[in-house]
Amino acid sequence: MTTKTDTKAKKDAMPGDINKLRIRVRAYEHKILDASVKQIIDTAMRFDAKVVGPIPLPTEIKKYTVNRSTFVYKDAREQFEMRMHKRVIDILNPSAKVVEALTNLSLPSGVNIDVKMM
């Protein structure tokens, strides 16, 4: 026995029905990240897609403390950190042309992209 809510949930979860394309872009350098985000948005706007973002996410900071000396002088230490900058871009109701243009996009090295279809 199926109810109306069951059939509606199945209809909303159809594989051909994409409501939103969520793109997470990550990089160590914020200038390269911003240039890549601008390139993605320009490509989406060229095909008249509605773009929400870029939304900056909190910067992930990894800190490492290393002894300067090998054996003695425990008080002499160096600290290093790596900053991972992140942005989120949402493209609402993307067409096939938008998805194809984004897959053929060449971005600089050091930029990590995660694409989810929601």
C-alpha atoms as a PDB file:
ATOM      1  CA  MET A   1       0.000   0.000   0.000  1.00  0.00           C
ATOM      2  CA  THR A   2       1.564   3.280  -1.062  1.00  0.00           C
ATOM      3  CA  THR A   3       0.586   6.668   0.199  1.00  0.00           C
ATOM      4  CA  LYS A   4       0.793  10.033  -1.483  1.00  0.00           C
ATOM      5  CA  THR A   5       3.939  10.938   0.428  1.00  0.00           C
ATOM      6  CA  ASP A   6       5.724   7.772  -0.764  1.00  0.00           C
ATOM      7  CA  THR A   7       4.979   8.452  -4.428  1.00  0.00           C
ATOM      8  CA  LYS A   8       5.954  12.110  -4.055  1.00  0.00           C
ATOM      9  CA  ALA A   9       9.286  11.167  -2.457  1.00  0.00           C
ATOM     10  CA  LYS A  10      10.004   8.746  -5.304  1.00  0.00           C
ATOM     11  CA  LYS A  11       9.150  11.376  -7.906  1.00  0.00           C
ATOM     12  CA  ASP A  12      11.440  13.963  -6.252  1.00  0.00           C
ATOM     13  CA  ALA A  13      14.346  11.490  -6.187  1.00  0.00           C
ATOM     14  CA  MET A  14      14.381  10.792  -9.929  1.00  0.00           C
ATOM     15  CA  PRO A  15      17.956  10.654 -11.312  1.00  0.00           C
ATOM     16  CA  GLY A  16      17.229  12.951 -14.273  1.00  0.00           C
ATOM     17  CA  ASP A  17      15.759  15.677 -12.061  1.00  0.00           C
ATOM     18  CA  ILE A  18      18.612  17.872 -10.806  1.00  0.00           C
ATOM     19  CA  ASN A  19      17.540  20.802  -8.671  1.00  0.00           C
ATOM     20  CA  LYS A  20      20.918  22.156  -7.641  1.00  0.00           C
ATOM     21  CA  LEU A  21      24.592  21.733  -8.439  1.00  0.00           C
ATOM     22  CA  ARG A  22      26.792  22.402  -5.371  1.00  0.00           C
ATOM     23  CA  ILE A  23      30.454  23.127  -6.085  1.00  0.00           C
ATOM     24  CA  ARG A  24      32.977  23.195  -3.217  1.00  0.00           C
ATOM     25  CA  VAL A  25      36.279  24.786  -4.160  1.00  0.00           C
ATOM     26  CA  ARG A  26      39.337  24.503  -1.881  1.00  0.00           C
ATOM     27  CA  ALA A  27      42.886  25.845  -2.204  1.00  0.00           C
ATOM     28  CA  TYR A  28      45.855  26.861  -0.091  1.00  0.00           C
ATOM     29  CA  GLU A  29      46.194  30.293  -1.745  1.00  0.00           C
ATOM     30  CA  HIS A  30      43.201  32.597  -1.636  1.00  0.00           C
ATOM     31  CA  LYS A  31      44.139  34.558  -4.787  1.00  0.00           C
ATOM     32  CA  ILE A  32      44.164  31.419  -6.955  1.00  0.00           C
ATOM     33  CA  LEU A  33      40.929  30.315  -5.280  1.00  0.00           C
ATOM     34  CA  ASP A  34      39.157  33.604  -6.033  1.00  0.00           C
ATOM     35  CA  ALA A  35      40.338  33.530  -9.667  1.00  0.00           C
ATOM     36  CA  SER A  36      39.035  29.961 -10.060  1.00  0.00           C
ATOM     37  CA  VAL A  37      35.684  30.853  -8.494  1.00  0.00           C
ATOM     38  CA  LYS A  38      35.346  33.833 -10.839  1.00  0.00           C
ATOM     39  CA  GLN A  39      36.072  31.577 -13.814  1.00  0.00           C
ATOM     40  CA  ILE A  40      33.401  29.065 -12.683  1.00  0.00           C
ATOM     41  CA  ILE A  41      30.801  31.807 -12.173  1.00  0.00           C
ATOM     42  CA  ASP A  42      31.567  33.413 -15.554  1.00  0.00           C
ATOM     43  CA  THR A  43      31.144  30.039 -17.260  1.00  0.00           C
ATOM     44  CA  ALA A  44      27.792  29.433 -15.536  1.00  0.00           C
ATOM     45  CA  MET A  45      26.563  32.968 -16.320  1.00  0.00           C
ATOM     46  CA  ARG A  46      27.460  32.542 -19.983  1.00  0.00           C
ATOM     47  CA  PHE A  47      24.764  29.850 -20.234  1.00  0.00           C
ATOM     48  CA  ASP A  48      22.186  31.902 -18.247  1.00  0.00           C
ATOM     49  CA  ALA A  49      22.292  29.736 -15.124  1.00  0.00           C
ATOM     50  CA  LYS A  50      21.249  31.159 -11.769  1.00  0.00           C
ATOM     51  CA  VAL A  51      24.278  31.255  -9.467  1.00  0.00           C
ATOM     52  CA  VAL A  52      24.234  31.614  -5.676  1.00  0.00           C
ATOM     53  CA  GLY A  53      27.573  32.472  -4.153  1.00  0.00           C
ATOM     54  CA  PRO A  54      30.485  32.286  -3.751  1.00  0.00           C
ATOM     55  CA  ILE A  55      29.904  31.684  -0.075  1.00  0.00           C
ATOM     56  CA  PRO A  56      33.136  31.738   1.957  1.00  0.00           C
ATOM     57  CA  LEU A  57      33.462  28.912   4.451  1.00  0.00           C
ATOM     58  CA  PRO A  58      35.706  29.034   7.537  1.00  0.00           C
ATOM     59  CA  THR A  59      39.405  28.693   6.821  1.00  0.00           C
ATOM     60  CA  GLU A  60      40.786  25.384   8.048  1.00  0.00           C
ATOM     61  CA  ILE A  61      44.116  25.941   9.833  1.00  0.00           C
ATOM     62  CA  LYS A  62      46.483  23.068  10.576  1.00  0.00           C
ATOM     63  CA  LYS A  63      49.325  23.970  12.960  1.00  0.00           C
ATOM     64  CA  TYR A  64      52.519  21.989  13.419  1.00  0.00           C
ATOM     65  CA  THR A  65      55.097  22.537  16.170  1.00  0.00           C
ATOM     66  CA  VAL A  66      58.623  21.198  15.572  1.00  0.00           C
ATOM     67  CA  ASN A  67      61.695  21.188  17.834  1.00  0.00           C
ATOM     68  CA  ARG A  68      64.558  23.221  16.346  1.00  0.00           C
ATOM     69  CA  SER A  69      67.148  21.109  18.051  1.00  0.00           C
ATOM     70  CA  THR A  70      67.423  17.358  17.700  1.00  0.00           C
ATOM     71  CA  PHE A  71      68.170  16.416  21.299  1.00  0.00           C
ATOM     72  CA  VAL A  72      68.406  19.308  23.757  1.00  0.00           C
ATOM     73  CA  TYR A  73      66.889  22.818  23.995  1.00  0.00           C
ATOM     74  CA  LYS A  74      63.277  21.775  24.247  1.00  0.00           C
ATOM     75  CA  ASP A  75      62.204  25.411  24.601  1.00  0.00           C
ATOM     76  CA  ALA A  76      63.476  26.271  21.106  1.00  0.00           C
ATOM     77  CA  ARG A  77      60.619  25.376  18.778  1.00  0.00           C
ATOM     78  CA  GLU A  78      59.280  26.419  15.385  1.00  0.00           C
ATOM     79  CA  GLN A  79      55.621  26.616  14.471  1.00  0.00           C
ATOM     80  CA  PHE A  80      54.223  26.143  10.978  1.00  0.00           C
ATOM     81  CA  GLU A  81      50.681  26.374   9.694  1.00  0.00           C
ATOM     82  CA  MET A  82      48.770  25.444   6.567  1.00  0.00           C
ATOM     83  CA  ARG A  83      45.603  27.361   5.710  1.00  0.00           C
ATOM     84  CA  MET A  84      42.915  25.761   3.550  1.00  0.00           C
ATOM     85  CA  HIS A  85      40.556  28.381   2.085  1.00  0.00           C
ATOM     86  CA  LYS A  86      37.107  27.193   0.977  1.00  0.00           C
ATOM     87  CA  ARG A  87      34.198  28.533  -1.089  1.00  0.00           C
ATOM     88  CA  VAL A  88      30.777  27.105  -2.002  1.00  0.00           C
ATOM     89  CA  ILE A  89      28.893  27.905  -5.201  1.00  0.00           C
ATOM     90  CA  ASP A  90      25.324  26.759  -5.890  1.00  0.00           C
ATOM     91  CA  ILE A  91      23.964  26.622  -9.430  1.00  0.00           C
ATOM     92  CA  LEU A  92      20.170  26.292  -9.480  1.00  0.00           C
ATOM     93  CA  ASN A  93      18.493  24.189 -12.177  1.00  0.00           C
ATOM     94  CA  PRO A  94      21.606  23.666 -14.334  1.00  0.00           C
ATOM     95  CA  SER A  95      21.136  22.668 -17.954  1.00  0.00           C
ATOM     96  CA  ALA A  96      23.201  20.005 -19.714  1.00  0.00           C
ATOM     97  CA  LYS A  97      25.246  22.717 -21.441  1.00  0.00           C
ATOM     98  CA  VAL A  98      26.246  24.245 -18.102  1.00  0.00           C
ATOM     99  CA  VAL A  99      27.365  20.876 -16.711  1.00  0.00           C
ATOM    100  CA  GLU A 100      29.339  20.110 -19.878  1.00  0.00           C
ATOM    101  CA  ALA A 101      31.024  23.533 -19.848  1.00  0.00           C
ATOM    102  CA  LEU A 102      32.005  23.128 -16.189  1.00  0.00           C
ATOM    103  CA  THR A 103      33.510  19.682 -16.771  1.00  0.00           C
ATOM    104  CA  ASN A 104      35.634  21.011 -19.651  1.00  0.00           C
ATOM    105  CA  LEU A 105      36.886  23.937 -17.543  1.00  0.00           C
ATOM    106  CA  SER A 106      40.642  23.981 -16.913  1.00  0.00           C
ATOM    107  CA  LEU A 107      41.592  25.451 -13.549  1.00  0.00           C
ATOM    108  CA  PRO A 108      45.056  26.100 -12.084  1.00  0.00           C
ATOM    109  CA  SER A 109      46.861  23.417 -10.134  1.00  0.00           C
ATOM    110  CA  GLY A 110      46.393  23.454  -6.389  1.00  0.00           C
ATOM    111  CA  VAL A 111      42.636  23.965  -6.631  1.00  0.00           C
ATOM    112  CA  ASN A 112      40.466  21.082  -5.401  1.00  0.00           C
ATOM    113  CA  ILE A 113      36.865  20.886  -6.642  1.00  0.00           C
ATOM    114  CA  ASP A 114      34.007  18.750  -5.285  1.00  0.00           C
ATOM    115  CA  VAL A 115      30.765  18.725  -7.292  1.00  0.00           C
ATOM    116  CA  LYS A 116      27.513  17.334  -5.884  1.00  0.00           C
ATOM    117  CA  MET A 117      24.158  17.103  -7.609  1.00  0.00           C
ATOM    118  CA  MET A 118      21.328  17.641  -5.145  1.00  0.00           C
END
